[in-house]
Amino acid sequence: MFLTLTLLRKGIPGKQWIGKYRRPRQITWQMKRNTLKQLEREAESEYWISRPYMTQEQEHGHAAERRAQNWLKIKEANFANFPEHKRITDHLSHLRITKNWSS
């Protein structure tokens, strides 16, 4: 059908690069080179991923101390920004409830 449409109409209907009856894109040598480079990069990544740096036993809990230290730093930083506690005497000091009339 594609061949018949092309032979009879002498062209591609509508936009030539999009749609059902679009013109197929030519594969250039740059496209082939880029695809090969991408496949080689993926193969190298798979190679390195398939060989773990640490065993399962070494990996279990290896960063617990560092994570605890980081959590303490974050917690201390949050508490440093926290305002001081306000007592009820601070709120009611303007009332001067302990002041005597005689003095």
N, C-alpha and C. Protein backbone atom coordinates (compact mmCIF):
# COMPACT_ATOMS: atom_id res chain seq x y z
N MET A 1 0.82 -1.19 0.00
CA MET A 1 0.00 0.00 0.00
C MET A 1 0.87 1.25 0.00
N PHE A 2 1.93 1.24 0.81
CA PHE A 2 2.82 2.40 0.86
C PHE A 2 3.47 2.63 -0.51
N LEU A 3 3.87 1.53 -1.13
CA LEU A 3 4.49 1.63 -2.45
C LEU A 3 3.50 2.16 -3.48
N THR A 4 2.26 1.69 -3.43
CA THR A 4 1.23 2.14 -4.38
C THR A 4 0.95 3.62 -4.20
N LEU A 5 0.79 4.05 -2.93
CA LEU A 5 0.54 5.48 -2.67
C LEU A 5 1.69 6.33 -3.17
N THR A 6 2.88 5.87 -2.94
CA THR A 6 4.04 6.64 -3.36
C THR A 6 4.12 6.72 -4.88
N LEU A 7 3.85 5.61 -5.57
CA LEU A 7 3.95 5.60 -7.03
C LEU A 7 2.83 6.42 -7.67
N LEU A 8 1.64 6.35 -7.13
CA LEU A 8 0.52 7.04 -7.74
C LEU A 8 0.50 8.54 -7.41
N ARG A 9 0.79 8.88 -6.20
CA ARG A 9 0.67 10.28 -5.78
C ARG A 9 1.92 11.09 -6.04
N LYS A 10 3.00 10.45 -6.19
CA LYS A 10 4.27 11.13 -6.42
C LYS A 10 4.63 12.06 -5.25
N GLY A 11 4.35 11.59 -4.05
CA GLY A 11 4.70 12.41 -2.90
C GLY A 11 4.05 11.86 -1.64
N ILE A 12 4.38 12.46 -0.56
CA ILE A 12 3.85 12.03 0.73
C ILE A 12 2.82 13.05 1.17
N PRO A 13 1.61 12.59 1.53
CA PRO A 13 0.57 13.55 1.91
C PRO A 13 0.87 14.19 3.26
N GLY A 14 0.61 15.48 3.37
CA GLY A 14 0.80 16.19 4.63
C GLY A 14 2.27 16.44 4.93
N LYS A 15 2.57 16.50 6.19
CA LYS A 15 3.97 16.70 6.59
C LYS A 15 4.76 15.44 6.29
N GLN A 16 5.95 15.61 5.74
CA GLN A 16 6.69 14.42 5.29
C GLN A 16 7.39 13.67 6.41
N TRP A 17 7.59 14.30 7.59
CA TRP A 17 8.34 13.64 8.64
C TRP A 17 7.47 13.11 9.78
N ILE A 18 6.16 13.43 9.78
CA ILE A 18 5.27 12.94 10.83
C ILE A 18 4.03 12.31 10.21
N GLY A 19 3.36 11.46 10.97
CA GLY A 19 2.11 10.87 10.50
C GLY A 19 2.26 9.43 10.08
N LYS A 20 1.14 8.87 9.66
CA LYS A 20 1.10 7.45 9.29
C LYS A 20 1.92 7.19 8.02
N TYR A 21 1.82 8.07 7.04
CA TYR A 21 2.50 7.87 5.76
C TYR A 21 3.72 8.79 5.66
N ARG A 22 4.53 8.80 6.69
CA ARG A 22 5.69 9.68 6.68
C ARG A 22 6.83 9.09 5.87
N ARG A 23 7.75 9.97 5.52
CA ARG A 23 8.94 9.55 4.78
C ARG A 23 9.93 8.94 5.76
N PRO A 24 10.42 7.74 5.49
CA PRO A 24 11.38 7.12 6.41
C PRO A 24 12.69 7.89 6.43
N ARG A 25 13.24 8.02 7.62
CA ARG A 25 14.47 8.77 7.79
C ARG A 25 15.67 7.91 7.38
N GLN A 26 16.64 8.54 6.73
CA GLN A 26 17.82 7.81 6.29
C GLN A 26 18.79 7.64 7.46
N ILE A 27 19.39 6.47 7.54
CA ILE A 27 20.36 6.18 8.59
C ILE A 27 21.73 6.61 8.09
N THR A 28 22.36 7.52 8.81
CA THR A 28 23.67 8.04 8.40
C THR A 28 24.77 7.32 9.17
N TRP A 29 25.99 7.54 8.76
CA TRP A 29 27.12 6.90 9.44
C TRP A 29 27.31 7.47 10.85
N GLN A 30 26.91 8.75 11.04
CA GLN A 30 27.01 9.34 12.37
C GLN A 30 26.03 8.66 13.34
N MET A 31 24.83 8.35 12.84
CA MET A 31 23.84 7.66 13.68
C MET A 31 24.36 6.28 14.08
N LYS A 32 24.95 5.57 13.12
CA LYS A 32 25.51 4.26 13.42
C LYS A 32 26.63 4.35 14.44
N ARG A 33 27.51 5.35 14.27
CA ARG A 33 28.62 5.54 15.19
C ARG A 33 28.11 5.85 16.60
N ASN A 34 27.13 6.74 16.71
CA ASN A 34 26.59 7.11 18.02
C ASN A 34 25.92 5.92 18.69
N THR A 35 25.21 5.11 17.92
CA THR A 35 24.56 3.93 18.49
C THR A 35 25.61 2.95 19.00
N LEU A 36 26.68 2.76 18.23
CA LEU A 36 27.75 1.87 18.66
C LEU A 36 28.41 2.37 19.94
N LYS A 37 28.67 3.68 20.02
CA LYS A 37 29.28 4.24 21.22
C LYS A 37 28.37 4.05 22.43
N GLN A 38 27.06 4.24 22.24
CA GLN A 38 26.11 4.07 23.33
C GLN A 38 26.09 2.62 23.80
N LEU A 39 26.10 1.66 22.85
CA LEU A 39 26.09 0.25 23.21
C LEU A 39 27.37 -0.14 23.95
N GLU A 40 28.51 0.40 23.51
CA GLU A 40 29.76 0.12 24.20
C GLU A 40 29.75 0.68 25.62
N ARG A 41 29.19 1.88 25.78
CA ARG A 41 29.10 2.50 27.10
C ARG A 41 28.21 1.67 28.02
N GLU A 42 27.09 1.19 27.49
CA GLU A 42 26.19 0.34 28.28
C GLU A 42 26.87 -0.97 28.67
N ALA A 43 27.63 -1.56 27.73
CA ALA A 43 28.33 -2.81 28.03
C ALA A 43 29.36 -2.61 29.13
N GLU A 44 30.07 -1.49 29.09
CA GLU A 44 31.06 -1.22 30.13
C GLU A 44 30.37 -1.00 31.49
N SER A 45 29.25 -0.30 31.49
CA SER A 45 28.51 -0.09 32.73
C SER A 45 28.03 -1.41 33.31
N GLU A 46 27.50 -2.27 32.46
CA GLU A 46 27.05 -3.59 32.92
C GLU A 46 28.22 -4.41 33.47
N TYR A 47 29.38 -4.27 32.86
CA TYR A 47 30.57 -4.98 33.33
C TYR A 47 30.90 -4.56 34.75
N TRP A 48 30.94 -3.24 35.00
CA TRP A 48 31.31 -2.76 36.32
C TRP A 48 30.22 -3.01 37.36
N ILE A 49 28.98 -2.96 36.94
CA ILE A 49 27.88 -3.22 37.87
C ILE A 49 27.85 -4.69 38.29
N SER A 50 28.27 -5.57 37.40
CA SER A 50 28.20 -7.00 37.70
C SER A 50 29.27 -7.45 38.70
N ARG A 51 30.26 -6.60 38.99
CA ARG A 51 31.32 -6.95 39.95
C ARG A 51 31.23 -6.03 41.15
N PRO A 52 30.63 -6.51 42.24
CA PRO A 52 30.45 -5.63 43.40
C PRO A 52 31.77 -5.28 44.08
N TYR A 53 31.80 -4.08 44.67
CA TYR A 53 33.00 -3.61 45.36
C TYR A 53 33.14 -4.30 46.72
N MET A 54 31.99 -4.50 47.40
CA MET A 54 32.00 -5.14 48.72
C MET A 54 31.12 -6.38 48.69
N THR A 55 31.41 -7.30 49.58
CA THR A 55 30.55 -8.47 49.70
C THR A 55 29.29 -8.07 50.47
N GLN A 56 28.31 -8.98 50.50
CA GLN A 56 27.06 -8.71 51.21
C GLN A 56 27.33 -8.48 52.70
N GLU A 57 28.25 -9.25 53.28
CA GLU A 57 28.55 -9.13 54.71
C GLU A 57 29.23 -7.79 55.01
N GLN A 58 30.14 -7.36 54.14
CA GLN A 58 30.81 -6.08 54.34
C GLN A 58 29.84 -4.92 54.18
N GLU A 59 28.92 -5.07 53.24
CA GLU A 59 28.01 -3.98 52.93
C GLU A 59 26.99 -3.76 54.05
N HIS A 60 26.62 -4.80 54.77
CA HIS A 60 25.60 -4.69 55.80
C HIS A 60 26.10 -3.83 56.96
N GLY A 61 25.51 -2.66 57.13
CA GLY A 61 25.82 -1.78 58.24
C GLY A 61 27.15 -1.04 58.14
N HIS A 62 27.74 -0.97 56.96
CA HIS A 62 29.05 -0.33 56.86
C HIS A 62 28.98 1.19 57.04
N ALA A 63 27.83 1.78 56.80
CA ALA A 63 27.72 3.24 56.88
C ALA A 63 26.87 3.69 58.05
N ALA A 64 26.58 2.81 58.99
CA ALA A 64 25.68 3.16 60.09
C ALA A 64 26.27 4.27 60.95
N GLU A 65 27.55 4.19 61.26
CA GLU A 65 28.17 5.20 62.12
C GLU A 65 28.19 6.57 61.44
N ARG A 66 28.55 6.58 60.16
CA ARG A 66 28.59 7.84 59.42
C ARG A 66 27.21 8.46 59.34
N ARG A 67 26.19 7.63 59.08
CA ARG A 67 24.83 8.15 58.99
C ARG A 67 24.36 8.68 60.33
N ALA A 68 24.74 8.02 61.42
CA ALA A 68 24.37 8.51 62.75
C ALA A 68 25.02 9.86 63.03
N GLN A 69 26.29 10.02 62.64
CA GLN A 69 26.97 11.30 62.82
C GLN A 69 26.27 12.40 62.02
N ASN A 70 25.93 12.09 60.77
CA ASN A 70 25.25 13.09 59.94
C ASN A 70 23.91 13.47 60.53
N TRP A 71 23.18 12.50 61.06
CA TRP A 71 21.88 12.78 61.65
C TRP A 71 22.03 13.68 62.87
N LEU A 72 23.07 13.44 63.69
CA LEU A 72 23.30 14.30 64.85
C LEU A 72 23.62 15.72 64.43
N LYS A 73 24.41 15.88 63.37
CA LYS A 73 24.73 17.22 62.87
C LYS A 73 23.47 17.94 62.41
N ILE A 74 22.60 17.24 61.68
CA ILE A 74 21.36 17.84 61.19
C ILE A 74 20.47 18.23 62.36
N LYS A 75 20.38 17.34 63.35
CA LYS A 75 19.54 17.61 64.50
C LYS A 75 20.04 18.82 65.30
N GLU A 76 21.36 18.90 65.49
CA GLU A 76 21.93 20.04 66.21
C GLU A 76 21.72 21.34 65.43
N ALA A 77 21.83 21.27 64.12
CA ALA A 77 21.60 22.48 63.31
C ALA A 77 20.16 22.94 63.44
N ASN A 78 19.21 22.01 63.48
CA ASN A 78 17.80 22.38 63.64
C ASN A 78 17.54 22.97 65.02
N PHE A 79 18.16 22.40 66.06
CA PHE A 79 17.96 22.92 67.40
C PHE A 79 18.63 24.29 67.58
N ALA A 80 19.69 24.57 66.83
CA ALA A 80 20.35 25.86 66.94
C ALA A 80 19.41 26.98 66.48
N ASN A 81 18.54 26.70 65.51
CA ASN A 81 17.61 27.70 65.00
C ASN A 81 16.34 27.80 65.84
N PHE A 82 16.16 26.89 66.78
CA PHE A 82 14.94 26.84 67.57
C PHE A 82 14.97 27.95 68.61
N PRO A 83 13.90 28.71 68.78
CA PRO A 83 13.91 29.80 69.76
C PRO A 83 13.91 29.27 71.19
N GLU A 84 14.34 30.12 72.12
CA GLU A 84 14.37 29.72 73.53
C GLU A 84 12.96 29.52 74.06
N HIS A 85 12.85 28.75 75.14
CA HIS A 85 11.56 28.56 75.77
C HIS A 85 11.13 29.85 76.46
N LYS A 86 9.87 30.14 76.39
CA LYS A 86 9.33 31.32 77.06
C LYS A 86 8.50 30.85 78.25
N ARG A 87 8.78 31.42 79.41
CA ARG A 87 8.05 31.07 80.61
C ARG A 87 6.81 31.95 80.75
N ILE A 88 5.90 31.54 81.61
CA ILE A 88 4.68 32.32 81.82
C ILE A 88 5.00 33.67 82.46
N THR A 89 6.08 33.72 83.24
CA THR A 89 6.46 35.00 83.85
C THR A 89 6.89 36.01 82.79
N ASP A 90 7.50 35.53 81.70
CA ASP A 90 7.87 36.44 80.62
C ASP A 90 6.63 37.03 79.96
N HIS A 91 5.60 36.22 79.81
CA HIS A 91 4.38 36.69 79.15
C HIS A 91 3.60 37.66 80.04
N LEU A 92 3.63 37.43 81.38
CA LEU A 92 2.81 38.23 82.29
C LEU A 92 3.61 39.30 83.02
N SER A 93 4.86 39.53 82.65
CA SER A 93 5.69 40.51 83.37
C SER A 93 5.14 41.92 83.21
N HIS A 94 4.45 42.21 82.14
CA HIS A 94 3.91 43.56 81.93
C HIS A 94 2.75 43.87 82.88
N LEU A 95 2.19 42.85 83.53
CA LEU A 95 1.07 43.08 84.43
C LEU A 95 1.52 43.57 85.81
N ARG A 96 2.75 43.30 86.16
CA ARG A 96 3.33 43.70 87.44
C ARG A 96 2.43 43.28 88.59
N ILE A 97 2.12 42.01 88.66
CA ILE A 97 1.17 41.53 89.67
C ILE A 97 1.77 41.48 91.07
N THR A 98 3.08 41.58 91.19
CA THR A 98 3.69 41.52 92.52
C THR A 98 3.94 42.92 93.09
N LYS A 99 3.71 43.96 92.34
CA LYS A 99 3.99 45.33 92.80
C LYS A 99 2.93 45.77 93.82
N ASN A 100 3.38 46.35 94.89
CA ASN A 100 2.46 46.80 95.95
C ASN A 100 1.98 48.21 95.67
N TRP A 101 0.82 48.55 96.20
CA TRP A 101 0.27 49.88 96.04
C TRP A 101 1.04 50.90 96.89
N SER A 102 1.52 50.46 98.00
CA SER A 102 2.11 51.40 98.94
C SER A 102 3.48 51.92 98.50
N SER A 103 4.18 51.17 97.71
CA SER A 103 5.52 51.63 97.37
C SER A 103 5.58 52.44 96.10
